[in-house]
Amino acid sequence: MIKMIKATYGLVKADGSVEAMTPASGPFSVNPQREAELIALGVAVKVESPEGTNYEDMKMSDLRKLAAERGVDVKAAKGKPEVIAAIEAAEAQADAAEVEE
């Protein structure tokens, strides 16, 4: 999982839309190679999952169950990174909504 510290990254969501990930955005996941590239470029840093949850260590079935519990639609997700990204995007939106209140 990474967090942007400079620039903007276009995160492709499960529904095909693109979300702008900026330094103001929460942590998110993409494939490990892309995360390493963004970190090497100095535009992102590695961070731990919110609340200490390590989604990478979870089974796909558990991730899908967690997504369903949180109301996150991951039916179109083709792989674990997309499911994780959808969960983290929902968490980031929830965090942003709490800050606005």
N, C-alpha and C. Protein backbone atom coordinates (compact mmCIF):
# COMPACT_ATOMS: atom_id res chain seq x y z
N MET A 1 0.85 -1.15 0.00
CA MET A 1 0.00 0.00 0.00
C MET A 1 0.90 1.23 0.00
N ILE A 2 0.49 2.24 -0.76
CA ILE A 2 1.27 3.46 -0.87
C ILE A 2 0.39 4.69 -0.64
N LYS A 3 1.04 5.81 -0.42
CA LYS A 3 0.37 7.09 -0.31
C LYS A 3 1.16 8.08 -1.15
N MET A 4 0.46 8.85 -1.95
CA MET A 4 1.12 9.85 -2.78
C MET A 4 1.65 10.99 -1.89
N ILE A 5 2.87 11.46 -2.18
CA ILE A 5 3.43 12.60 -1.46
C ILE A 5 3.69 13.77 -2.40
N LYS A 6 3.69 13.50 -3.70
CA LYS A 6 3.85 14.51 -4.74
C LYS A 6 3.04 14.05 -5.94
N ALA A 7 2.62 14.97 -6.75
CA ALA A 7 1.97 14.66 -8.03
C ALA A 7 0.60 14.00 -7.85
N THR A 8 0.06 13.54 -8.96
CA THR A 8 -1.25 12.89 -9.00
C THR A 8 -1.12 11.59 -9.77
N TYR A 9 -1.76 10.55 -9.27
CA TYR A 9 -1.76 9.25 -9.94
C TYR A 9 -3.20 8.89 -10.28
N GLY A 10 -3.43 8.46 -11.51
CA GLY A 10 -4.76 8.05 -11.94
C GLY A 10 -5.01 6.59 -11.61
N LEU A 11 -5.78 6.34 -10.56
CA LEU A 11 -6.08 4.99 -10.12
C LEU A 11 -7.32 4.49 -10.86
N VAL A 12 -7.17 3.44 -11.66
CA VAL A 12 -8.29 2.87 -12.39
C VAL A 12 -9.06 1.98 -11.42
N LYS A 13 -10.34 2.31 -11.23
CA LYS A 13 -11.18 1.57 -10.30
C LYS A 13 -11.82 0.39 -11.00
N ALA A 14 -12.44 -0.48 -10.22
CA ALA A 14 -13.04 -1.71 -10.74
C ALA A 14 -14.10 -1.43 -11.81
N ASP A 15 -14.78 -0.30 -11.71
CA ASP A 15 -15.83 0.01 -12.69
C ASP A 15 -15.28 0.69 -13.94
N GLY A 16 -13.96 0.85 -14.01
CA GLY A 16 -13.33 1.46 -15.19
C GLY A 16 -13.12 2.95 -15.07
N SER A 17 -13.68 3.57 -14.05
CA SER A 17 -13.48 5.00 -13.86
C SER A 17 -12.08 5.24 -13.29
N VAL A 18 -11.62 6.46 -13.37
CA VAL A 18 -10.29 6.81 -12.87
C VAL A 18 -10.43 7.80 -11.73
N GLU A 19 -9.78 7.50 -10.62
CA GLU A 19 -9.79 8.38 -9.45
C GLU A 19 -8.42 9.02 -9.31
N ALA A 20 -8.39 10.32 -9.15
CA ALA A 20 -7.12 11.05 -8.98
C ALA A 20 -6.63 10.85 -7.56
N MET A 21 -5.49 10.21 -7.41
CA MET A 21 -4.88 10.00 -6.10
C MET A 21 -3.81 11.08 -5.93
N THR A 22 -3.97 11.92 -4.94
CA THR A 22 -3.08 13.05 -4.68
C THR A 22 -2.53 12.92 -3.27
N PRO A 23 -1.64 13.84 -2.87
CA PRO A 23 -1.16 13.79 -1.48
C PRO A 23 -2.29 13.91 -0.45
N ALA A 24 -3.42 14.47 -0.84
CA ALA A 24 -4.56 14.60 0.07
C ALA A 24 -5.38 13.32 0.14
N SER A 25 -5.15 12.39 -0.77
CA SER A 25 -5.89 11.12 -0.80
C SER A 25 -5.34 10.17 0.26
N GLY A 26 -6.13 9.19 0.57
CA GLY A 26 -5.69 8.17 1.51
C GLY A 26 -4.78 7.15 0.83
N PRO A 27 -4.28 6.22 1.61
CA PRO A 27 -3.44 5.15 1.05
C PRO A 27 -4.24 4.29 0.07
N PHE A 28 -3.54 3.70 -0.89
CA PHE A 28 -4.18 2.83 -1.87
C PHE A 28 -3.17 1.78 -2.33
N SER A 29 -3.69 0.77 -3.02
CA SER A 29 -2.82 -0.29 -3.53
C SER A 29 -2.96 -0.40 -5.04
N VAL A 30 -1.86 -0.68 -5.66
CA VAL A 30 -1.80 -1.08 -7.06
C VAL A 30 -0.88 -2.29 -7.08
N ASN A 31 -0.56 -2.80 -8.25
CA ASN A 31 0.30 -3.98 -8.25
C ASN A 31 1.67 -3.62 -7.66
N PRO A 32 2.33 -4.59 -7.04
CA PRO A 32 3.60 -4.32 -6.35
C PRO A 32 4.66 -3.65 -7.22
N GLN A 33 4.71 -4.01 -8.50
CA GLN A 33 5.71 -3.41 -9.39
C GLN A 33 5.44 -1.91 -9.57
N ARG A 34 4.17 -1.57 -9.76
CA ARG A 34 3.82 -0.16 -9.94
C ARG A 34 4.07 0.62 -8.66
N GLU A 35 3.76 0.03 -7.52
CA GLU A 35 4.03 0.69 -6.24
C GLU A 35 5.52 0.98 -6.12
N ALA A 36 6.35 0.00 -6.46
CA ALA A 36 7.81 0.17 -6.38
C ALA A 36 8.27 1.29 -7.31
N GLU A 37 7.68 1.36 -8.51
CA GLU A 37 8.05 2.42 -9.46
C GLU A 37 7.71 3.81 -8.90
N LEU A 38 6.52 3.95 -8.34
CA LEU A 38 6.10 5.25 -7.80
C LEU A 38 6.96 5.65 -6.61
N ILE A 39 7.32 4.68 -5.78
CA ILE A 39 8.19 4.97 -4.65
C ILE A 39 9.57 5.38 -5.15
N ALA A 40 10.10 4.66 -6.14
CA ALA A 40 11.42 4.98 -6.70
C ALA A 40 11.44 6.36 -7.34
N LEU A 41 10.32 6.78 -7.92
CA LEU A 41 10.23 8.11 -8.52
C LEU A 41 10.14 9.22 -7.47
N GLY A 42 9.90 8.82 -6.21
CA GLY A 42 9.82 9.81 -5.14
C GLY A 42 8.48 10.52 -5.05
N VAL A 43 7.45 9.93 -5.68
CA VAL A 43 6.13 10.57 -5.63
C VAL A 43 5.19 9.87 -4.66
N ALA A 44 5.63 8.72 -4.10
CA ALA A 44 4.80 7.98 -3.16
C ALA A 44 5.70 7.34 -2.10
N VAL A 45 5.09 7.01 -0.98
CA VAL A 45 5.78 6.30 0.09
C VAL A 45 4.97 5.08 0.48
N LYS A 46 5.67 4.06 0.96
CA LYS A 46 5.02 2.84 1.43
C LYS A 46 4.38 3.13 2.78
N VAL A 47 3.15 2.69 2.98
CA VAL A 47 2.45 2.87 4.25
C VAL A 47 1.77 1.56 4.65
N GLU A 48 1.45 1.46 5.90
CA GLU A 48 0.72 0.31 6.40
C GLU A 48 -0.76 0.49 6.10
N SER A 49 -1.48 -0.60 6.05
CA SER A 49 -2.92 -0.56 5.83
C SER A 49 -3.61 0.16 6.99
N PRO A 50 -4.70 0.86 6.72
CA PRO A 50 -5.43 1.52 7.81
C PRO A 50 -5.82 0.51 8.88
N GLU A 51 -5.80 0.96 10.10
CA GLU A 51 -6.20 0.16 11.25
C GLU A 51 -5.37 -1.12 11.37
N GLY A 52 -4.16 -1.13 10.80
CA GLY A 52 -3.30 -2.29 10.93
C GLY A 52 -3.69 -3.48 10.08
N THR A 53 -4.68 -3.34 9.21
CA THR A 53 -5.12 -4.43 8.36
C THR A 53 -4.15 -4.61 7.21
N ASN A 54 -3.67 -5.81 7.01
CA ASN A 54 -2.80 -6.09 5.87
C ASN A 54 -3.60 -6.89 4.86
N TYR A 55 -4.18 -6.19 3.90
CA TYR A 55 -5.03 -6.84 2.91
C TYR A 55 -4.25 -7.82 2.03
N GLU A 56 -2.97 -7.56 1.83
CA GLU A 56 -2.15 -8.43 0.98
C GLU A 56 -2.10 -9.86 1.54
N ASP A 57 -2.17 -9.99 2.85
CA ASP A 57 -2.09 -11.31 3.47
C ASP A 57 -3.44 -12.04 3.53
N MET A 58 -4.50 -11.34 3.16
CA MET A 58 -5.84 -11.93 3.23
C MET A 58 -6.13 -12.77 1.99
N LYS A 59 -6.97 -13.78 2.15
CA LYS A 59 -7.41 -14.60 1.02
C LYS A 59 -8.43 -13.80 0.22
N MET A 60 -8.52 -14.12 -1.06
CA MET A 60 -9.45 -13.43 -1.94
C MET A 60 -10.89 -13.55 -1.42
N SER A 61 -11.27 -14.73 -0.95
CA SER A 61 -12.63 -14.92 -0.45
C SER A 61 -12.90 -14.01 0.75
N ASP A 62 -11.90 -13.84 1.61
CA ASP A 62 -12.05 -12.96 2.77
C ASP A 62 -12.14 -11.50 2.34
N LEU A 63 -11.36 -11.14 1.33
CA LEU A 63 -11.41 -9.76 0.82
C LEU A 63 -12.78 -9.45 0.22
N ARG A 64 -13.31 -10.39 -0.54
CA ARG A 64 -14.65 -10.18 -1.14
C ARG A 64 -15.72 -10.08 -0.05
N LYS A 65 -15.59 -10.89 0.98
CA LYS A 65 -16.54 -10.84 2.10
C LYS A 65 -16.44 -9.49 2.81
N LEU A 66 -15.23 -9.02 3.05
CA LEU A 66 -15.01 -7.73 3.69
C LEU A 66 -15.60 -6.61 2.84
N ALA A 67 -15.37 -6.68 1.54
CA ALA A 67 -15.93 -5.67 0.63
C ALA A 67 -17.45 -5.65 0.71
N ALA A 68 -18.06 -6.82 0.70
CA ALA A 68 -19.53 -6.90 0.78
C ALA A 68 -20.04 -6.32 2.10
N GLU A 69 -19.33 -6.62 3.19
CA GLU A 69 -19.73 -6.09 4.50
C GLU A 69 -19.68 -4.57 4.53
N ARG A 70 -18.76 -4.00 3.76
CA ARG A 70 -18.59 -2.54 3.73
C ARG A 70 -19.36 -1.88 2.59
N GLY A 71 -20.12 -2.69 1.85
CA GLY A 71 -20.93 -2.14 0.77
C GLY A 71 -20.13 -1.75 -0.46
N VAL A 72 -18.97 -2.37 -0.64
CA VAL A 72 -18.11 -2.07 -1.78
C VAL A 72 -18.36 -3.11 -2.86
N ASP A 73 -18.74 -2.67 -4.05
CA ASP A 73 -19.03 -3.57 -5.16
C ASP A 73 -17.72 -3.98 -5.84
N VAL A 74 -17.38 -5.25 -5.73
CA VAL A 74 -16.15 -5.76 -6.36
C VAL A 74 -16.46 -6.87 -7.37
N LYS A 75 -17.70 -6.93 -7.83
CA LYS A 75 -18.08 -7.98 -8.77
C LYS A 75 -17.26 -7.93 -10.05
N ALA A 76 -16.91 -6.74 -10.51
CA ALA A 76 -16.15 -6.60 -11.76
C ALA A 76 -14.64 -6.76 -11.55
N ALA A 77 -14.21 -6.84 -10.31
CA ALA A 77 -12.77 -6.96 -10.03
C ALA A 77 -12.26 -8.29 -10.54
N LYS A 78 -11.14 -8.25 -11.25
CA LYS A 78 -10.58 -9.46 -11.84
C LYS A 78 -9.48 -10.09 -11.00
N GLY A 79 -8.96 -9.35 -10.05
CA GLY A 79 -7.87 -9.89 -9.25
C GLY A 79 -7.82 -9.25 -7.88
N LYS A 80 -6.98 -9.79 -7.06
CA LYS A 80 -6.81 -9.33 -5.69
C LYS A 80 -6.44 -7.85 -5.61
N PRO A 81 -5.49 -7.35 -6.45
CA PRO A 81 -5.15 -5.93 -6.37
C PRO A 81 -6.35 -5.00 -6.62
N GLU A 82 -7.23 -5.40 -7.52
CA GLU A 82 -8.41 -4.57 -7.79
C GLU A 82 -9.38 -4.57 -6.61
N VAL A 83 -9.54 -5.72 -5.97
CA VAL A 83 -10.42 -5.81 -4.79
C VAL A 83 -9.84 -4.94 -3.67
N ILE A 84 -8.54 -5.06 -3.44
CA ILE A 84 -7.89 -4.26 -2.40
C ILE A 84 -8.03 -2.78 -2.71
N ALA A 85 -7.80 -2.41 -3.96
CA ALA A 85 -7.91 -1.00 -4.35
C ALA A 85 -9.32 -0.47 -4.11
N ALA A 86 -10.33 -1.27 -4.41
CA ALA A 86 -11.72 -0.85 -4.20
C ALA A 86 -12.02 -0.65 -2.72
N ILE A 87 -11.54 -1.57 -1.89
CA ILE A 87 -11.75 -1.45 -0.44
C ILE A 87 -11.05 -0.20 0.08
N GLU A 88 -9.82 0.00 -0.34
CA GLU A 88 -9.05 1.15 0.14
C GLU A 88 -9.63 2.47 -0.36
N ALA A 89 -10.14 2.48 -1.58
CA ALA A 89 -10.76 3.69 -2.10
C ALA A 89 -12.00 4.03 -1.28
N ALA A 90 -12.77 3.02 -0.93
CA ALA A 90 -13.96 3.25 -0.09
C ALA A 90 -13.56 3.77 1.28
N GLU A 91 -12.48 3.23 1.83
CA GLU A 91 -11.99 3.71 3.13
C GLU A 91 -11.55 5.17 3.03
N ALA A 92 -10.85 5.49 1.95
CA ALA A 92 -10.38 6.87 1.76
C ALA A 92 -11.55 7.83 1.63
N GLN A 93 -12.59 7.41 0.91
CA GLN A 93 -13.78 8.26 0.78
C GLN A 93 -14.47 8.44 2.12
N ALA A 94 -14.53 7.37 2.90
CA ALA A 94 -15.15 7.46 4.22
C ALA A 94 -14.36 8.38 5.13
N ASP A 95 -13.03 8.27 5.07
CA ASP A 95 -12.17 9.15 5.86
C ASP A 95 -12.34 10.61 5.46
N ALA A 96 -12.42 10.86 4.16
CA ALA A 96 -12.60 12.23 3.65
C ALA A 96 -13.95 12.77 4.09
N ALA A 97 -14.96 11.95 4.08
CA ALA A 97 -16.30 12.38 4.50
C ALA A 97 -16.31 12.75 5.98
N GLU A 98 -15.56 11.99 6.80
CA GLU A 98 -15.48 12.29 8.23
C GLU A 98 -14.78 13.62 8.46
N VAL A 99 -13.76 13.92 7.68
CA VAL A 99 -13.02 15.17 7.82
C VAL A 99 -13.91 16.35 7.45
N GLU A 100 -14.76 16.19 6.44
CA GLU A 100 -15.64 17.27 5.99
C GLU A 100 -16.73 17.58 6.98
N GLU A 101 -17.11 16.59 7.79
CA GLU A 101 -18.22 16.80 8.75
C GLU A 101 -17.87 17.66 9.88
